[in-house]
């Protein structure tokens, strides 16, 4: 039986991915701030909870994140920049997932295919940025992408069959995006989970260190 670890398992996407994998016969472990006190902004909490885990996982899925930094909505202009909001975005969307990645080498098997996937966002792509705005969120997701890319290089040295990827889920109907769904085509969490799992199942070790959208199409860094 394949095993998955979902970080952020009480969120809309994380919960849906956990449920879909369980329906497909996976053994699923989940951690979340709501249910377990798993707070990615607290390095000690991340370390203590992940260090207690035994064995390895065929999939480690990091589904934590936030859209509003320190309670501030995404900025529309430079005038709206706030140091507090930027720092909060980096702690939740970049530093926290990177602290989880720190444990990936122990959590992934060395002798078979395994996937480390992190939820990113297309707006974190520097090449794809044509609209501007959303400074703090874009910056934090770009930093997350760099952390994923860099970790993929290191992990490949000891885990040649491992696949480390950033994934863009599209706009999903969750509490996270409720103020923005009127402007974008959306999918329900269950459909988003199926989309992301389909992408994960189609990956090979040659895809490690890359960024894909929900349809499996590459996203430029």
Protein backbone atom coordinates (compact mmCIF):
# COMPACT_ATOMS: atom_id res chain seq x y z
CA UNK A 1 0.00 0.00 0.00
CA UNK A 2 1.29 3.43 -0.92
CA UNK A 3 1.66 5.98 1.88
CA UNK A 4 1.09 9.73 1.74
CA UNK A 5 1.79 12.53 4.19
CA UNK A 6 -0.35 15.64 3.74
CA UNK A 7 0.78 18.84 5.47
CA UNK A 8 -2.13 21.24 5.75
CA UNK A 9 -4.62 18.38 5.76
CA UNK A 10 -7.51 20.44 7.16
CA UNK A 11 -7.38 23.00 4.34
CA UNK A 12 -9.61 22.90 1.28
CA UNK A 13 -7.06 21.45 -1.13
CA UNK A 14 -5.07 19.43 1.40
CA UNK A 15 -8.21 17.83 2.80
CA UNK A 16 -9.51 17.00 -0.66
CA UNK A 17 -6.19 15.45 -1.71
CA UNK A 18 -6.12 13.35 1.47
CA UNK A 19 -9.69 12.15 0.90
CA UNK A 20 -9.09 11.31 -2.77
CA UNK A 21 -5.92 9.36 -2.03
CA UNK A 22 -7.73 7.40 0.69
CA UNK A 23 -10.47 6.53 -1.83
CA UNK A 24 -7.77 5.28 -4.16
CA UNK A 25 -6.46 2.91 -1.51
CA UNK A 26 -3.56 4.92 -0.11
CA UNK A 27 -2.63 5.00 3.55
CA UNK A 28 -2.81 8.70 4.43
CA UNK A 29 -1.32 10.58 7.38
CA UNK A 30 -2.21 14.23 7.79
CA UNK A 31 -1.03 17.12 9.91
CA UNK A 32 -2.66 20.52 10.22
CA UNK A 33 -2.65 23.52 12.49
CA UNK A 34 -6.36 23.09 13.23
CA UNK A 35 -6.28 19.42 14.19
CA UNK A 36 -2.72 18.85 15.36
CA UNK A 37 -1.17 22.21 16.13
CA UNK A 38 1.12 21.80 13.13
CA UNK A 39 2.07 25.45 12.62
CA UNK A 40 4.55 26.10 9.79
CA UNK A 41 5.38 29.49 11.34
CA UNK A 42 6.81 27.69 14.39
CA UNK A 43 10.10 25.93 13.58
CA UNK A 44 10.01 23.91 16.81
CA UNK A 45 6.49 22.64 16.07
CA UNK A 46 7.52 21.61 12.56
CA UNK A 47 10.61 19.80 13.77
CA UNK A 48 9.00 18.03 16.72
CA UNK A 49 6.01 16.73 14.77
CA UNK A 50 7.92 15.62 11.69
CA UNK A 51 10.70 14.01 13.72
CA UNK A 52 8.12 11.81 15.45
CA UNK A 53 7.02 10.26 12.16
CA UNK A 54 8.24 6.74 11.50
CA UNK A 55 9.02 5.18 8.14
CA UNK A 56 8.89 6.76 4.71
CA UNK A 57 6.22 8.07 2.35
CA UNK A 58 5.61 7.66 -1.36
CA UNK A 59 4.15 11.17 -1.41
CA UNK A 60 4.81 14.16 0.80
CA UNK A 61 2.34 16.89 -0.16
CA UNK A 62 2.79 20.39 1.30
CA UNK A 63 -0.58 22.14 1.06
CA UNK A 64 -0.06 24.96 3.55
CA UNK A 65 -0.33 28.62 2.60
CA UNK A 66 -2.18 31.90 2.82
CA UNK A 67 -3.28 34.68 0.50
CA UNK A 68 -3.56 37.58 2.95
CA UNK A 69 -0.37 38.61 4.75
CA UNK A 70 -0.90 39.80 8.34
CA UNK A 71 -4.55 40.34 7.50
CA UNK A 72 -3.80 42.54 4.48
CA UNK A 73 -5.28 41.62 1.07
CA UNK A 74 -2.94 41.28 -1.92
CA UNK A 75 -1.51 44.68 -2.86
CA UNK A 76 -2.69 46.42 -6.02
CA UNK A 77 0.14 48.98 -6.03
CA UNK A 78 3.52 49.84 -4.56
CA UNK A 79 1.80 52.34 -2.26
CA UNK A 80 0.06 49.46 -0.52
CA UNK A 81 3.27 47.66 0.47
CA UNK A 82 3.62 46.78 4.13
CA UNK A 83 6.72 45.31 5.74
CA UNK A 84 4.50 43.41 8.17
CA UNK A 85 2.45 41.82 5.38
CA UNK A 86 5.55 40.92 3.36
CA UNK A 87 7.24 39.29 6.34
CA UNK A 88 4.09 37.32 7.17
CA UNK A 89 3.76 36.08 3.60
CA UNK A 90 7.35 34.86 3.58
CA UNK A 91 6.99 33.07 6.91
CA UNK A 92 3.87 31.16 5.85
CA UNK A 93 4.38 30.68 2.11
CA UNK A 94 8.14 30.23 1.84
CA UNK A 95 9.94 29.67 5.14
CA UNK A 96 7.38 27.25 6.56
CA UNK A 97 7.34 24.90 3.54
CA UNK A 98 11.14 25.08 3.35
CA UNK A 99 11.34 23.90 6.96
CA UNK A 100 9.16 20.94 5.96
CA UNK A 101 11.46 20.22 3.01
CA UNK A 102 14.33 20.05 5.47
CA UNK A 103 12.91 16.70 6.63
CA UNK A 104 12.20 15.37 3.13
CA UNK A 105 15.34 13.29 2.76
CA UNK A 106 14.39 11.22 5.81
CA UNK A 107 10.71 10.97 4.86
CA UNK A 108 11.28 9.83 1.27
CA UNK A 109 12.46 6.28 0.40
CA UNK A 110 15.77 5.90 -1.41
CA UNK A 111 14.98 2.67 -3.24
CA UNK A 112 11.80 3.56 -5.16
CA UNK A 113 9.85 6.38 -6.79
CA UNK A 114 8.56 9.02 -4.40
CA UNK A 115 7.21 12.54 -4.79
CA UNK A 116 7.69 15.71 -2.77
CA UNK A 117 5.04 18.17 -4.00
CA UNK A 118 4.36 21.68 -2.78
CA UNK A 119 1.43 23.91 -3.64
CA UNK A 120 2.72 27.01 -5.35
CA UNK A 121 0.90 29.48 -7.63
CA UNK A 122 1.29 30.73 -11.16
CA UNK A 123 1.59 34.28 -9.84
CA UNK A 124 4.92 33.23 -8.34
CA UNK A 125 6.32 32.87 -11.86
CA UNK A 126 8.58 35.81 -12.77
CA UNK A 127 8.36 35.05 -16.49
CA UNK A 128 4.55 34.81 -16.44
CA UNK A 129 4.03 38.08 -14.54
CA UNK A 130 2.22 40.40 -16.95
CA UNK A 131 -0.34 42.07 -14.68
CA UNK A 132 1.78 43.25 -11.74
CA UNK A 133 0.36 43.75 -8.26
CA UNK A 134 0.13 41.15 -5.51
CA UNK A 135 3.71 41.93 -4.50
CA UNK A 136 4.04 40.04 -1.22
CA UNK A 137 2.26 36.90 -2.39
CA UNK A 138 4.18 36.80 -5.68
CA UNK A 139 7.50 37.32 -3.90
CA UNK A 140 6.84 34.61 -1.31
CA UNK A 141 5.74 32.08 -3.91
CA UNK A 142 8.79 32.87 -6.07
CA UNK A 143 10.95 32.21 -2.99
CA UNK A 144 9.08 28.95 -2.39
CA UNK A 145 9.76 27.91 -5.98
CA UNK A 146 13.47 28.56 -5.51
CA UNK A 147 13.49 26.50 -2.31
CA UNK A 148 11.81 23.61 -4.12
CA UNK A 149 14.17 23.84 -7.08
CA UNK A 150 17.23 23.94 -4.84
CA UNK A 151 16.06 21.07 -2.64
CA UNK A 152 15.44 18.95 -5.73
CA UNK A 153 19.13 19.20 -6.63
CA UNK A 154 20.26 18.08 -3.18
CA UNK A 155 17.68 15.33 -2.76
CA UNK A 156 18.57 13.84 -6.17
CA UNK A 157 22.08 13.11 -4.90
CA UNK A 158 20.80 10.58 -2.36
CA UNK A 159 17.36 9.76 -3.79
CA UNK A 160 17.76 9.29 -7.55
CA UNK A 161 14.16 8.15 -7.98
CA UNK A 162 12.66 11.07 -6.06
CA UNK A 163 10.60 13.75 -7.80
CA UNK A 164 10.36 17.24 -6.27
CA UNK A 165 7.82 19.54 -7.90
CA UNK A 166 5.88 22.76 -7.41
CA UNK A 167 2.22 22.59 -8.42
CA UNK A 168 -0.27 25.29 -9.42
CA UNK A 169 -3.80 24.05 -8.62
CA UNK A 170 -5.74 26.75 -10.49
CA UNK A 171 -8.38 28.79 -8.67
CA UNK A 172 -10.12 26.45 -6.26
CA UNK A 173 -13.37 27.18 -4.43
CA UNK A 174 -12.07 27.42 -0.86
CA UNK A 175 -12.12 29.90 2.00
CA UNK A 176 -8.68 30.90 0.74
CA UNK A 177 -10.03 32.29 -2.56
CA UNK A 178 -13.62 33.27 -1.75
CA UNK A 179 -13.05 36.98 -2.51
CA UNK A 180 -11.56 36.27 -5.95
CA UNK A 181 -13.61 33.49 -7.53
CA UNK A 182 -15.87 35.87 -9.44
CA UNK A 183 -12.91 36.93 -11.60
CA UNK A 184 -11.58 33.49 -12.51
CA UNK A 185 -12.77 30.10 -13.67
CA UNK A 186 -12.87 27.87 -10.61
CA UNK A 187 -13.08 24.21 -9.66
CA UNK A 188 -14.28 22.55 -6.50
CA UNK A 189 -11.67 21.08 -4.14
CA UNK A 190 -12.53 17.48 -5.05
CA UNK A 191 -11.90 18.16 -8.75
CA UNK A 192 -8.71 20.08 -7.96
CA UNK A 193 -7.49 17.09 -5.94
CA UNK A 194 -8.15 14.69 -8.80
CA UNK A 195 -6.34 17.03 -11.19
CA UNK A 196 -3.28 17.31 -8.98
CA UNK A 197 -3.11 13.59 -8.26
CA UNK A 198 -3.31 12.86 -11.99
CA UNK A 199 -0.32 15.15 -12.52
CA UNK A 200 1.62 13.53 -9.67
CA UNK A 201 0.93 10.03 -10.99
CA UNK A 202 2.31 10.98 -14.41
CA UNK A 203 5.62 12.38 -13.16
CA UNK A 204 9.00 10.71 -13.67
CA UNK A 205 12.36 11.40 -12.01
CA UNK A 206 13.23 13.46 -15.08
CA UNK A 207 10.59 15.98 -13.96
CA UNK A 208 12.21 16.70 -10.62
CA UNK A 209 12.85 20.37 -9.88
CA UNK A 210 10.06 21.56 -12.20
CA UNK A 211 6.82 23.55 -11.89
CA UNK A 212 3.51 22.27 -13.32
CA UNK A 213 -0.07 23.47 -13.44
CA UNK A 214 -3.16 21.40 -12.66
CA UNK A 215 -3.27 20.08 -16.22
CA UNK A 216 0.35 18.92 -16.18
CA UNK A 217 1.61 21.80 -18.31
CA UNK A 218 4.99 23.30 -17.35
CA UNK A 219 4.92 26.74 -15.73
CA UNK A 220 7.99 28.94 -16.35
CA UNK A 221 9.95 30.04 -13.31
